[in-house]
Structures are given as C-alpha cells and as structure tokens.
Protein backbone atom coordinates (compact mmCIF):
# COMPACT_ATOMS: atom_id res chain seq x y z
CA UNK A 1 -25.19 28.19 -40.47
CA UNK A 2 -27.46 25.95 -42.37
CA UNK A 3 -30.38 26.60 -39.96
CA UNK A 4 -30.17 30.41 -40.31
CA UNK A 5 -30.10 30.13 -44.05
CA UNK A 6 -33.21 27.98 -44.13
CA UNK A 7 -35.11 30.44 -41.86
CA UNK A 8 -34.21 33.38 -44.05
CA UNK A 9 -35.33 31.57 -47.15
CA UNK A 10 -38.71 30.64 -45.51
CA UNK A 11 -39.48 34.24 -44.41
CA UNK A 12 -38.61 35.58 -47.83
CA UNK A 13 -40.96 33.10 -49.40
CA UNK A 14 -43.79 34.22 -47.06
CA UNK A 15 -43.43 37.90 -48.02
CA UNK A 16 -43.37 37.04 -51.69
CA UNK A 17 -46.61 34.98 -51.36
CA UNK A 18 -49.42 37.35 -52.48
CA UNK A 19 -52.25 35.46 -50.74
CA UNK A 20 -50.52 35.43 -47.39
CA UNK A 21 -49.66 39.10 -47.65
CA UNK A 22 -53.36 39.98 -48.41
CA UNK A 23 -54.66 38.06 -45.40
CA UNK A 24 -52.05 39.63 -43.16
CA UNK A 25 -53.02 43.13 -44.33
CA UNK A 26 -56.74 42.51 -43.62
CA UNK A 27 -55.94 41.25 -40.12
CA UNK A 28 -53.78 44.25 -39.28
CA UNK A 29 -56.42 46.73 -40.59
CA UNK A 30 -59.18 45.12 -38.50
CA UNK A 31 -56.96 45.22 -35.38
CA UNK A 32 -56.21 48.90 -35.92
CA UNK A 33 -59.99 49.66 -36.36
CA UNK A 34 -60.83 47.86 -33.14
CA UNK A 35 -58.10 49.72 -31.34
CA UNK A 36 -59.28 53.10 -32.54
CA UNK A 37 -62.97 52.53 -31.65
CA UNK A 38 -62.24 50.95 -28.30
CA UNK A 39 -59.82 53.60 -27.38
CA UNK A 40 -62.44 56.09 -26.02
CA UNK A 41 -63.15 58.08 -29.18
CA UNK A 42 -66.43 60.07 -28.96
CA UNK A 43 -69.25 59.52 -31.45
CA UNK A 44 -71.18 62.18 -33.30
CA UNK A 45 -74.47 63.09 -31.48
CA UNK A 46 -77.19 60.41 -31.71
CA UNK A 47 -80.90 61.25 -31.47
CA UNK A 48 -83.04 59.17 -29.10
CA UNK A 49 -86.69 59.68 -30.11
CA UNK A 50 -90.21 58.55 -29.23
CA UNK A 51 -89.59 59.03 -25.49
CA UNK A 52 -92.86 59.25 -23.47
CA UNK A 53 -93.34 62.31 -21.25
CA UNK A 54 -94.17 61.70 -17.57
CA UNK A 55 -96.32 64.39 -15.90
CA UNK A 56 -97.33 64.10 -12.24
CA UNK A 57 -99.64 66.37 -10.26
CA UNK A 58 -99.22 67.05 -6.58
CA UNK A 59 -101.15 64.92 -4.12
CA UNK A 60 -103.25 67.92 -3.04
CA UNK A 61 -104.20 68.63 -6.68
CA UNK A 62 -105.26 65.02 -7.17
CA UNK A 63 -107.32 65.08 -3.97
CA UNK A 64 -108.97 68.27 -5.26
CA UNK A 65 -110.22 66.27 -8.26
CA UNK A 66 -107.78 67.67 -10.81
CA UNK A 67 -106.60 65.53 -13.67
CA UNK A 68 -104.74 66.09 -16.96
CA UNK A 69 -106.98 65.94 -20.06
CA UNK A 70 -104.54 66.91 -22.83
CA UNK A 71 -100.80 67.16 -23.35
CA UNK A 72 -99.83 64.03 -21.44
CA UNK A 73 -99.66 61.76 -24.48
CA UNK A 74 -96.90 63.53 -26.40
CA UNK A 75 -93.50 62.02 -27.28
CA UNK A 76 -90.15 63.81 -27.04
CA UNK A 77 -86.59 63.37 -28.31
CA UNK A 78 -83.06 64.35 -27.25
CA UNK A 79 -79.51 64.09 -28.64
CA UNK A 80 -76.79 62.22 -26.71
CA UNK A 81 -73.03 61.87 -27.25
CA UNK A 82 -70.13 59.87 -25.85
CA UNK A 83 -68.26 56.67 -26.49
CA UNK A 84 -69.61 55.09 -29.66
CA UNK A 85 -70.01 51.68 -28.09
CA UNK A 86 -71.80 53.13 -25.05
CA UNK A 87 -74.04 55.46 -27.03
CA UNK A 88 -75.05 52.63 -29.32
CA UNK A 89 -76.56 50.77 -26.37
CA UNK A 90 -78.78 53.62 -25.08
CA UNK A 91 -82.54 53.31 -25.80
CA UNK A 92 -85.57 55.47 -25.00
CA UNK A 93 -86.17 53.34 -21.90
CA UNK A 94 -82.91 54.67 -20.41
CA UNK A 95 -84.12 58.30 -20.47
CA UNK A 96 -86.98 59.87 -18.50
CA UNK A 97 -88.64 63.07 -19.75
CA UNK A 98 -90.49 64.89 -16.95
CA UNK A 99 -92.20 68.17 -16.13
CA UNK A 100 -90.85 68.88 -12.64
CA UNK A 101 -92.73 72.20 -12.32
CA UNK A 102 -96.14 70.48 -12.64
CA UNK A 103 -96.40 69.43 -8.98
CA UNK A 104 -95.81 72.94 -7.65
CA UNK A 105 -97.39 75.01 -10.43
CA UNK A 106 -100.70 73.27 -11.11
CA UNK A 107 -103.14 74.03 -8.29
CA UNK A 108 -106.38 74.81 -10.16
CA UNK A 109 -108.10 74.09 -13.49
CA UNK A 110 -106.49 75.76 -16.47
CA UNK A 111 -104.04 75.51 -19.36
CA UNK A 112 -100.34 75.44 -18.46
CA UNK A 113 -97.18 75.66 -20.60
CA UNK A 114 -94.28 73.93 -18.81
CA UNK A 115 -90.67 73.06 -19.67
CA UNK A 116 -89.56 69.47 -20.31
CA UNK A 117 -86.50 68.05 -18.55
CA UNK A 118 -84.49 64.88 -19.28
CA UNK A 119 -82.62 62.63 -16.87
CA UNK A 120 -80.87 59.27 -17.07
CA UNK A 121 -82.70 56.32 -15.54
CA UNK A 122 -81.03 53.20 -16.96
CA UNK A 123 -77.90 51.32 -15.89
CA UNK A 124 -75.96 53.03 -18.68
CA UNK A 125 -75.01 56.54 -17.60
CA UNK A 126 -71.55 57.37 -19.00
CA UNK A 127 -72.83 59.50 -21.86
CA UNK A 128 -73.87 63.15 -22.13
CA UNK A 129 -76.98 65.01 -23.29
CA UNK A 130 -75.89 66.89 -26.39
CA UNK A 131 -79.05 69.01 -26.73
CA UNK A 132 -82.17 70.08 -24.91
CA UNK A 133 -85.43 68.13 -25.02
CA UNK A 134 -87.47 68.62 -28.16
CA UNK A 135 -90.10 69.95 -27.88
CA UNK A 136 -88.78 72.22 -25.14
CA UNK A 137 -92.21 73.05 -23.71
CA UNK A 138 -95.50 71.17 -23.37
CA UNK A 139 -98.98 72.69 -23.02
CA UNK A 140 -101.37 70.70 -20.83
CA UNK A 141 -104.99 71.18 -19.88
CA UNK A 142 -105.99 70.44 -16.29
CA UNK A 143 -109.57 70.30 -15.01
CA UNK A 144 -112.00 68.35 -12.87
CA UNK A 145 -113.85 65.35 -14.35
CA UNK A 146 -117.59 65.58 -15.08
CA UNK A 147 -120.29 63.39 -16.65
CA UNK A 148 -123.66 64.52 -18.05
CA UNK A 149 -126.49 62.71 -19.85
CA UNK A 150 -128.16 64.34 -22.86
CA UNK A 151 -131.12 63.45 -25.05
CA UNK A 152 -130.06 63.05 -28.68
CA UNK A 153 -132.25 65.29 -30.85
CA UNK A 154 -132.89 64.35 -34.52
CA UNK A 155 -132.65 67.26 -36.96
CA UNK A 156 -133.17 65.86 -40.45
CA UNK A 157 -134.49 67.84 -43.42
CA UNK A 158 -136.65 65.88 -45.86
CA UNK A 159 -140.00 65.80 -47.66
CA UNK A 160 -142.49 62.97 -48.09
CA UNK A 161 -145.34 62.02 -50.40
CA UNK A 162 -148.56 63.62 -49.06
CA UNK A 163 -150.35 60.27 -49.39
CA UNK A 164 -148.06 58.84 -46.76
CA UNK A 165 -147.76 59.38 -43.03
CA UNK A 166 -144.51 60.46 -41.39
CA UNK A 167 -143.95 58.87 -38.00
CA UNK A 168 -141.70 60.23 -35.28
CA UNK A 169 -138.01 59.75 -36.02
CA UNK A 170 -136.58 56.81 -34.09
CA UNK A 171 -132.98 56.69 -32.87
CA UNK A 172 -131.13 53.49 -32.00
CA UNK A 173 -129.78 55.29 -28.91
CA UNK A 174 -132.01 58.13 -27.66
CA UNK A 175 -129.50 59.26 -24.99
CA UNK A 176 -125.75 59.64 -24.60
CA UNK A 177 -123.48 60.22 -21.59
CA UNK A 178 -120.70 62.74 -22.24
CA UNK A 179 -117.64 62.90 -20.00
CA UNK A 180 -114.53 65.02 -19.82
CA UNK A 181 -113.26 68.34 -18.42
CA UNK A 182 -115.85 70.14 -16.33
CA UNK A 183 -115.30 73.41 -18.20
CA UNK A 184 -115.91 71.70 -21.55
CA UNK A 185 -118.97 69.67 -20.49
CA UNK A 186 -120.61 72.78 -19.00
CA UNK A 187 -120.54 74.46 -22.43
CA UNK A 188 -122.71 71.77 -24.05
CA UNK A 189 -126.34 72.85 -24.51
CA UNK A 190 -127.58 69.98 -26.68
CA UNK A 191 -126.44 67.09 -28.85
CA UNK A 192 -128.12 66.04 -32.06
CA UNK A 193 -127.85 64.11 -35.30
CA UNK A 194 -128.31 66.10 -38.49
CA UNK A 195 -128.86 65.32 -42.14
CA UNK A 196 -130.54 66.31 -45.40
CA UNK A 197 -132.40 63.83 -47.62
CA UNK A 198 -132.76 64.96 -51.21
CA UNK A 199 -135.30 62.49 -52.56
CA UNK A 200 -139.01 62.45 -51.66
CA UNK A 201 -139.62 59.68 -49.16
CA UNK A 202 -142.23 57.04 -49.99
CA UNK A 203 -141.06 54.40 -47.56
CA UNK A 204 -139.29 54.07 -44.24
CA UNK A 205 -135.80 55.56 -44.43
CA UNK A 206 -132.80 54.45 -42.34
CA UNK A 207 -129.31 55.93 -42.13
CA UNK A 208 -126.44 56.37 -39.68
CA UNK A 209 -125.26 59.72 -38.38
CA UNK A 210 -122.58 60.90 -35.89
CA UNK A 211 -123.64 62.97 -32.89
CA UNK A 212 -122.85 66.69 -32.91
CA UNK A 213 -122.44 68.91 -29.82
CA UNK A 214 -123.66 72.52 -29.63
CA UNK A 215 -123.26 75.34 -27.13
CA UNK A 216 -125.91 77.81 -25.96
CA UNK A 217 -125.23 80.05 -28.98
CA UNK A 218 -125.79 77.30 -31.51
CA UNK A 219 -122.09 76.95 -32.30
CA UNK A 220 -120.72 73.46 -32.87
CA UNK A 221 -118.34 72.19 -30.18
CA UNK A 222 -115.35 70.17 -31.37
CA UNK A 223 -113.25 68.78 -28.53
CA UNK A 224 -110.74 65.95 -28.31
CA UNK A 225 -111.08 65.85 -24.53
CA UNK A 226 -114.79 64.91 -24.45
CA UNK A 227 -115.78 61.24 -24.59
CA UNK A 228 -119.24 59.90 -25.38
CA UNK A 229 -120.92 56.56 -24.74
CA UNK A 230 -122.48 56.95 -28.20
CA UNK A 231 -120.47 58.05 -31.23
CA UNK A 232 -122.99 57.27 -33.96
CA UNK A 233 -126.70 56.38 -34.02
CA UNK A 234 -128.97 54.68 -36.51
CA UNK A 235 -131.74 57.06 -37.57
CA UNK A 236 -135.07 55.63 -38.77
CA UNK A 237 -137.76 57.85 -40.30
CA UNK A 238 -141.02 55.86 -40.52
CA UNK A 239 -142.89 56.63 -43.74
CA UNK A 240 -146.19 54.73 -43.73
CA UNK A 241 -149.08 54.31 -46.14
CA UNK A 242 -152.30 55.90 -44.90
CA UNK A 243 -155.78 54.50 -45.54
CA UNK A 244 -159.33 54.95 -44.29
CA UNK A 245 -160.55 51.45 -43.36
CA UNK A 246 -164.07 50.41 -42.37
CA UNK A 247 -164.63 48.58 -39.08
CA UNK A 248 -166.40 45.25 -39.28
CA UNK A 249 -167.98 43.78 -36.11
CA UNK A 250 -168.15 40.01 -35.70
CA UNK A 251 -170.62 37.89 -33.70
CA UNK A 252 -171.06 34.30 -32.56
CA UNK A 253 -174.12 32.37 -31.43
CA UNK A 254 -176.05 34.71 -33.69
CA UNK A 255 -179.71 33.86 -34.49
CA UNK A 256 -179.85 33.07 -38.20
CA UNK A 257 -183.03 35.09 -38.69
CA UNK A 258 -181.69 38.39 -37.43
CA UNK A 259 -180.81 41.08 -39.97
CA UNK A 260 -177.71 42.43 -38.27
CA UNK A 261 -177.09 45.21 -40.76
CA UNK A 262 -180.33 46.89 -39.66
CA UNK A 263 -179.70 46.78 -35.92
CA UNK A 264 -175.90 46.94 -35.47
CA UNK A 265 -174.06 50.24 -35.35
CA UNK A 266 -170.32 50.75 -34.87
CA UNK A 267 -168.88 54.01 -33.54
CA UNK A 268 -166.69 54.99 -35.28
CA UNK A 269 -167.68 53.16 -38.47
CA UNK A 270 -164.20 53.60 -39.99
CA UNK A 271 -160.68 54.44 -38.96
CA UNK A 272 -157.78 56.20 -40.63
CA UNK A 273 -154.69 54.09 -40.12
CA UNK A 274 -151.06 54.18 -41.23
CA UNK A 275 -148.79 51.24 -41.71
CA UNK A 276 -146.34 49.47 -44.02
CA UNK A 277 -147.73 49.12 -47.51
CA UNK A 278 -147.31 45.34 -47.42
CA UNK A 279 -149.54 45.23 -44.33
CA UNK A 280 -152.41 47.51 -45.31
CA UNK A 281 -152.15 47.78 -49.11
CA UNK A 282 -154.82 45.10 -49.67
CA UNK A 283 -156.74 45.56 -46.41
CA UNK A 284 -160.48 46.16 -46.89
CA UNK A 285 -161.70 46.23 -43.28
CA UNK A 286 -160.62 45.92 -39.68
CA UNK A 287 -162.35 42.90 -38.15
CA UNK A 288 -163.21 43.07 -34.45
CA UNK A 289 -163.06 40.22 -31.96
CA UNK A 290 -166.37 38.26 -31.99
CA UNK A 291 -169.21 39.38 -29.69
CA UNK A 292 -171.17 36.51 -28.13
CA UNK A 293 -174.94 37.04 -28.50
CA UNK A 294 -175.47 35.05 -25.29
CA UNK A 295 -173.97 38.06 -23.46
CA UNK A 296 -176.45 40.56 -24.98
CA UNK A 297 -179.97 41.45 -23.85
CA UNK A 298 -182.33 44.40 -24.09
CA UNK A 299 -180.39 46.45 -21.51
CA UNK A 300 -176.90 45.13 -22.18
CA UNK A 301 -176.72 46.07 -25.84
CA UNK A 302 -173.52 48.13 -26.05
CA UNK A 303 -169.96 46.75 -25.91
CA UNK A 304 -166.51 48.34 -26.18
CA UNK A 305 -164.13 46.30 -28.33
CA UNK A 306 -160.38 46.81 -28.62
CA UNK A 307 -159.03 47.29 -32.15
CA UNK A 308 -156.29 44.85 -33.05
CA UNK A 309 -154.15 46.54 -35.70
CA UNK A 310 -151.50 44.67 -37.73
CA UNK A 311 -147.88 44.92 -36.59
CA UNK A 312 -146.29 48.25 -37.39
CA UNK A 313 -149.64 50.01 -37.90
CA UNK A 314 -151.13 52.90 -35.93
CA UNK A 315 -154.40 54.75 -35.65
CA UNK A 316 -154.06 58.28 -36.97
CA UNK A 317 -157.25 59.19 -35.07
CA UNK A 318 -155.59 57.90 -31.91
CA UNK A 319 -158.60 55.59 -31.48
CA UNK A 320 -157.88 52.02 -30.40
CA UNK A 321 -161.33 50.81 -29.35
CA UNK A 322 -164.83 51.09 -30.82
CA UNK A 323 -168.36 50.95 -29.44
CA UNK A 324 -170.65 48.33 -30.96
CA UNK A 325 -174.33 49.14 -30.36
CA UNK A 326 -177.26 46.71 -30.91
CA UNK A 327 -180.59 48.51 -31.44
CA UNK A 328 -182.97 46.52 -29.20
CA UNK A 329 -185.79 49.08 -29.16
CA UNK A 330 -188.26 46.57 -30.67
CA UNK A 331 -187.05 43.61 -28.59
CA UNK A 332 -188.38 41.97 -25.43
CA UNK A 333 -187.15 39.47 -22.84
CA UNK A 334 -189.07 36.55 -21.40
CA UNK A 335 -188.17 33.69 -19.08
CA UNK A 336 -189.30 30.14 -19.89
CA UNK A 337 -189.20 27.00 -17.75
CA UNK A 338 -187.51 24.39 -19.95
CA UNK A 339 -187.84 20.69 -19.14
CA UNK A 340 -186.77 19.26 -22.48
CA UNK A 341 -183.18 18.26 -21.72
CA UNK A 342 -181.46 15.79 -24.05
CA UNK A 343 -177.99 14.44 -24.91
CA UNK A 344 -176.06 14.66 -28.17
CA UNK A 345 -173.13 12.53 -29.34
CA UNK A 346 -173.14 10.09 -26.42
CA UNK A 347 -169.95 7.94 -26.62
CA UNK A 348 -170.47 4.26 -27.40
CA UNK A 349 -170.77 2.15 -24.26
CA UNK A 350 -171.70 5.09 -22.05
CA UNK A 351 -175.00 5.63 -20.21
CA UNK A 352 -176.22 9.06 -19.13
CA UNK A 353 -178.62 10.47 -16.59
CA UNK A 354 -179.84 14.05 -15.95
CA UNK A 355 -180.46 15.06 -12.33
CA UNK A 356 -181.76 18.53 -13.25
CA UNK A 357 -185.45 18.32 -14.11
CA UNK A 358 -185.86 21.81 -15.48
CA UNK A 359 -184.06 25.11 -15.95
CA UNK A 360 -185.26 28.71 -16.30
CA UNK A 361 -184.07 30.19 -19.57
CA UNK A 362 -184.25 33.89 -20.49
CA UNK A 363 -184.86 34.50 -24.19
CA UNK A 364 -184.39 37.77 -26.08
CA UNK A 365 -185.84 38.64 -29.46
CA UNK A 366 -188.32 40.70 -31.44
CA UNK A 367 -191.54 41.41 -29.53
CA UNK A 368 -193.77 39.32 -31.87
CA UNK A 369 -191.58 36.22 -31.61
CA UNK A 370 -191.24 36.42 -27.81
CA UNK A 371 -194.99 36.99 -27.39
CA UNK A 372 -196.15 33.92 -29.31
CA UNK A 373 -193.54 31.28 -28.55
CA UNK A 374 -193.80 28.74 -25.69
CA UNK A 375 -191.54 26.45 -23.67
CA UNK A 376 -192.27 23.63 -26.12
CA UNK A 377 -190.16 25.50 -28.68
CA UNK A 378 -187.09 25.37 -26.42
CA UNK A 379 -184.68 22.47 -25.90
CA UNK A 380 -181.61 22.20 -23.69
CA UNK A 381 -179.00 19.92 -25.26
CA UNK A 382 -175.89 18.40 -23.68
CA UNK A 383 -173.23 17.73 -26.30
CA UNK A 384 -170.77 14.98 -25.29
CA UNK A 385 -168.87 15.04 -28.57
CA UNK A 386 -165.15 14.77 -27.87
CA UNK A 387 -165.79 14.04 -24.18
CA UNK A 388 -165.25 10.28 -24.26
CA UNK A 389 -163.15 10.37 -21.06
CA UNK A 390 -165.85 11.99 -18.92
CA UNK A 391 -167.19 9.76 -16.15
CA UNK A 392 -169.09 10.22 -12.90
CA UNK A 393 -171.36 13.00 -11.64
CA UNK A 394 -170.71 16.57 -12.76
CA UNK A 395 -172.16 19.92 -13.67
CA UNK A 396 -172.00 20.63 -17.38
CA UNK A 397 -173.13 23.48 -19.68
CA UNK A 398 -176.08 23.04 -22.02
CA UNK A 399 -176.83 24.49 -25.43
CA UNK A 400 -180.22 26.21 -25.74
CA UNK A 401 -181.94 25.75 -29.11
CA UNK A 402 -185.17 27.37 -30.23
CA UNK A 403 -187.44 25.77 -32.85
CA UNK A 404 -189.55 27.76 -35.31
CA UNK A 405 -188.21 31.14 -34.13
CA UNK A 406 -184.83 31.82 -35.70
CA UNK A 407 -184.58 35.44 -34.55
CA UNK A 408 -184.50 34.65 -30.82
CA UNK A 409 -181.50 33.85 -28.60
CA UNK A 410 -180.83 32.71 -25.03
CA UNK A 411 -179.21 35.23 -22.73
CA UNK A 412 -176.68 33.84 -20.21
CA UNK A 413 -175.03 30.47 -19.54
CA UNK A 414 -176.91 27.46 -18.22
CA UNK A 415 -175.67 24.37 -16.35
CA UNK A 416 -177.27 21.01 -15.45
CA UNK A 417 -176.18 18.12 -13.21
CA UNK A 418 -175.60 14.81 -14.99
CA UNK A 419 -174.04 11.39 -14.47
CA UNK A 420 -172.03 9.46 -17.03
CA UNK A 421 -171.23 5.78 -16.42
C-alpha cells in the first residue's frame, strides 16, 4: 500500500512541474515531425537549374568535318518531385540533358532547332520529373571548320600640318588568322582598323583599335562564332618634320694647298629628308663618310658614297647615295723614283734597317706643280709610333710626304721591307 501511494505522489509531482512538462512537449513535437517527414510524404516540386546540355553528332557527321559552333554552351533546368528527403539530395550532376535527335537529324551544315530531353544518371532515382526541360528547344549551328589569313588594312581619317611628312601607317600586327564556320569565314572580304582623329597631327600618333570584319558589300560582319588570332592592334601614324639639308663631303689625306670648294661637286648637293624633330631640328648638313685622296687620280675622280641618315629618318627623294666628283681637268700624274726612306718614332732600344732601296711613287696634282717638282721633294717615312712590340723582318706601309708642293698627293699605297731588332 505504501509503495503505490509513493508512486502516485511522484507522478503527480512530475505533471505539476512546469519545466518537465515543457521539455516533454518539445520532445513529443519533434518526434511527431520526424515521423511525418519520414513517412513518405511528397514534397512540392523543386527546380534543378544550371544543368549543362550534352549534344553529340553522329560518327559519320564528325568524319565529314561537321562540328557545332553555337548552341552547345547553354544551360537548362527542370522541376522534380518526390520524397522530401530524397529530392533534397538531387543535384544537377544527377540529371543529363540531351538532344537525342542530333545524331540522326544533323547530316549537313545548317541551323537546327531540336528538342531537349532529360534523364536520370545518378545513384538517386526514386523521384519524378515534374515538368519538361526549360528551355524546351535549342537552336544549334553546325558547319565545317575553316581558317583564313587576312591583311589588316588601316582606315584612319586625320589631317596633318603641311610642314610635316606623313609616313605609312604602321600596325603592331599586319595580319590576322580568322577561324570558325566555313559559311561565315567565306563571307569575309576584308578586315581593317578604323578611326577618326580630330586634332591636326604635328607628331607621331599612336592608338589602339579593334579589328572589324566586312563582307563584299561593305557591310560589317558581327559573329560570335568567328575567332581571331588578333583582337586589337596598335596603330602608329608617323608624322615627321621635313627639311632640305645640304650634303657635305669629307676627305682625308687631303693636300693642304688644294681649294676643295672649287673642284669638288656633289650630286645631288642637297636632300629633302623627314625625321623626328629631335633628330633633324638642329641639323645643318648631312656629312658623308671620308674619301681618301690616296684613292683618287686623274681618271678615278668620281665616287659613290652611301648616305647615313639618323635613326628614324628617311629620304623623301628616295635617294640614299650621292656622287662626289673631283674636277681634275687641270691635273696631271707623274711617277717618281723615291730613294729617301726614313723612320719616325723609333722605340728606345730598337735598331732599324730598310731592305728596300727605292720605290716608284705616282703623284697627282695641278699641272704646274707636277711639271716642276723632282724626286728630291719626296720622302717615304716609316712611322713606328705605337709599334713598340714589332720585331724581326716585315713588310710595312710608308707615308709619302711632299716638300714645297702642298697641292700634290700620292696615289696608291706603298710598302717597304724592313728589319727591327
């Protein structure tokens, strides 16, 4: 009796304890919720989106060179329904969206509109498709692949100061290879870069411009299926200062008594050039490479000399060499036998000996000087300055000097045999 009474009192106390009653109610509610959801109740439809579309061509179409150029990169979606727990585990990787008609329908280049179909591919399959695939149809373009190379043509509108020279427009990439559907590539007639420059150009102008495609009728072609090796090029329009510059010949081994201005003629005497202002702004003359008088005589009195222009400059006359003419109409040549051979700048401690007794030297000069001079006026000198390491027997060049006649020069090179010990 006593035990039953105690049990009754304990249970009554539990039901009159508010905290214990609250916890018990929460537990019962959670158990009921679990029971309802695990008991096979269906969920409302759930949308699975961002599903890639798989499109396959037949083997014969692929062997024929066909490929898909547009429409294959779209994403689709579909609604599914079923057990809430099951549906909640389905992802886009569990569903495959295909175009089953593609393999049998696509046999030649063209544009095709085909229906999309969904099927289950994952391990989870006990759910249902609650709607059709969205979008229902896909439009794809099929063609053969083609590449073609085009020259990029510059078409810029601008004006320049008339005192400046406009060079040919330079492109960072003069050519581009376009690739894509054969039907699209065959429409392209030319590609170019275009632009309009408002200000008057007085210096080299550089900008960047995208390439533009045109068909045979001059209409711009815009296509997402065509790829290019060049999307944008740097366009440089050279704008150069222009000047008329005199040409100045230079000489070496020149007789000091000759009046060169009266006998030297340069053809042309000046040149119109174009170049950066910092290069030619202060230029007064174009100096030629030196002409050695020892290579000139009465007959050999005309030489062609290349013009060396500064970097970035050009000849507007398209002339890059000049003729230098020496008027030798009043000159004569005469050969003298020279036996006066001496040394200059002999190194300390060295002894020298000349084995050549005499040399024949041809002199060129005004008729009066050549007529009256003699071999006594001519000396052959061997300069050993800076040749301290020379030793033994050797052949060495000599310098021909003429006394009392400063308008005469020796034609040719002369060698003598010596010994240094």
